[in-house]
Protein backbone atom coordinates (compact mmCIF):
# COMPACT_ATOMS: atom_id res chain seq x y z
CA ASP A 1 -15.08 -1.28 -69.86
CA ALA A 2 -14.33 -4.61 -69.05
CA ALA A 3 -14.84 -8.19 -70.24
CA MET A 4 -15.36 -11.11 -68.27
CA LEU A 5 -14.08 -14.24 -69.87
CA VAL A 6 -15.46 -17.57 -68.30
CA GLU A 7 -14.95 -21.40 -68.41
CA CYS A 8 -17.44 -23.61 -66.89
CA LYS A 9 -16.89 -27.71 -66.10
CA TRP A 10 -19.17 -29.85 -64.51
CA THR A 11 -16.81 -32.58 -63.47
CA LYS A 12 -16.11 -34.24 -60.30
CA ARG A 13 -12.54 -33.33 -59.77
CA PRO A 14 -11.11 -29.84 -58.95
CA ILE A 15 -10.46 -27.39 -61.96
CA GLY A 16 -6.65 -26.97 -62.32
CA VAL A 17 -4.11 -24.17 -63.31
CA ASP A 18 -4.27 -26.06 -66.73
CA ILE A 19 -7.85 -24.82 -67.33
CA LEU A 20 -6.85 -21.55 -66.31
CA ARG A 21 -4.00 -21.49 -68.71
CA HIS A 22 -7.01 -23.02 -71.42
CA LEU A 23 -8.80 -20.06 -70.95
CA GLU A 24 -6.17 -17.46 -71.03
CA GLY A 25 -4.92 -18.51 -73.99
CA LYS A 26 -8.50 -18.05 -75.80
CA ALA A 27 -8.75 -14.48 -74.50
CA GLY A 28 -5.83 -13.79 -77.05
CA LEU A 29 -8.45 -15.57 -80.35
CA VAL A 30 -10.59 -12.66 -78.94
CA SER A 31 -8.62 -9.89 -77.64
CA ARG A 32 -9.19 -7.77 -81.24
CA ASP A 33 -12.81 -7.93 -80.51
CA LEU A 34 -12.49 -6.48 -76.75
CA GLY A 35 -10.67 -3.80 -78.12
CA SER A 36 -9.04 -1.76 -75.06
CA ARG A 37 -11.58 -3.51 -72.33
CA ARG A 38 -9.72 -4.66 -69.60
CA ARG A 39 -10.25 -8.40 -69.53
CA LEU A 40 -11.65 -10.70 -65.94
CA PHE A 41 -11.27 -14.07 -66.05
CA GLY A 42 -13.46 -16.39 -64.43
CA LEU A 43 -14.03 -20.15 -63.28
CA CYS A 44 -16.97 -22.12 -62.71
CA ALA A 45 -16.58 -25.73 -61.57
CA ARG A 46 -18.77 -28.13 -59.74
CA SER A 47 -16.05 -30.12 -57.79
CA GLY A 48 -14.39 -26.65 -56.63
CA PHE A 49 -10.62 -25.82 -57.69
CA THR A 50 -7.07 -27.06 -56.94
CA ASP A 51 -4.80 -25.32 -54.24
CA ALA A 52 -2.61 -24.08 -56.81
CA VAL A 53 -5.78 -21.94 -58.58
CA GLU A 54 -6.93 -21.05 -55.02
CA GLN A 55 -3.29 -19.16 -54.33
CA GLU A 56 -3.13 -17.90 -57.78
CA ALA A 57 -6.95 -16.16 -57.25
CA ALA A 58 -5.49 -14.55 -53.84
CA ARG A 59 -2.77 -12.93 -55.98
CA ARG A 60 -4.73 -11.59 -59.01
CA ASP A 61 -7.21 -8.96 -59.26
CA ASP A 62 -8.28 -10.06 -62.66
CA LEU A 63 -9.75 -13.97 -61.50
CA PHE A 64 -12.75 -14.91 -59.93
CA LEU A 65 -13.92 -18.59 -58.76
CA PHE A 66 -17.39 -19.84 -58.54
CA ASP A 67 -17.95 -23.13 -57.27
CA LEU A 68 -21.27 -24.64 -56.68
CA PRO A 69 -22.41 -23.38 -53.62
CA ARG A 70 -21.79 -20.16 -54.72
CA ILE A 71 -23.47 -20.30 -57.38
CA VAL A 72 -26.71 -22.32 -56.21
CA ALA A 73 -26.37 -18.86 -53.50
CA GLY A 74 -26.54 -16.61 -56.54
CA GLU A 75 -23.35 -14.36 -55.01
């Protein structure tokens, strides 16, 4: 009943809100294919996230952040 759309970046700088907004924009391209499924968003980052992205994730229940230590730990 849900679909997770994920953007992964292997850069040396933290992921910012611009990457999140770009992912949300891409969601519009597949909205017809997702039907009535709830959309979840995920960001994977080698070098973590900006404070703005961290704050947005804390406010939302549809945004999940995966940094390198979490990915390696399999959480």
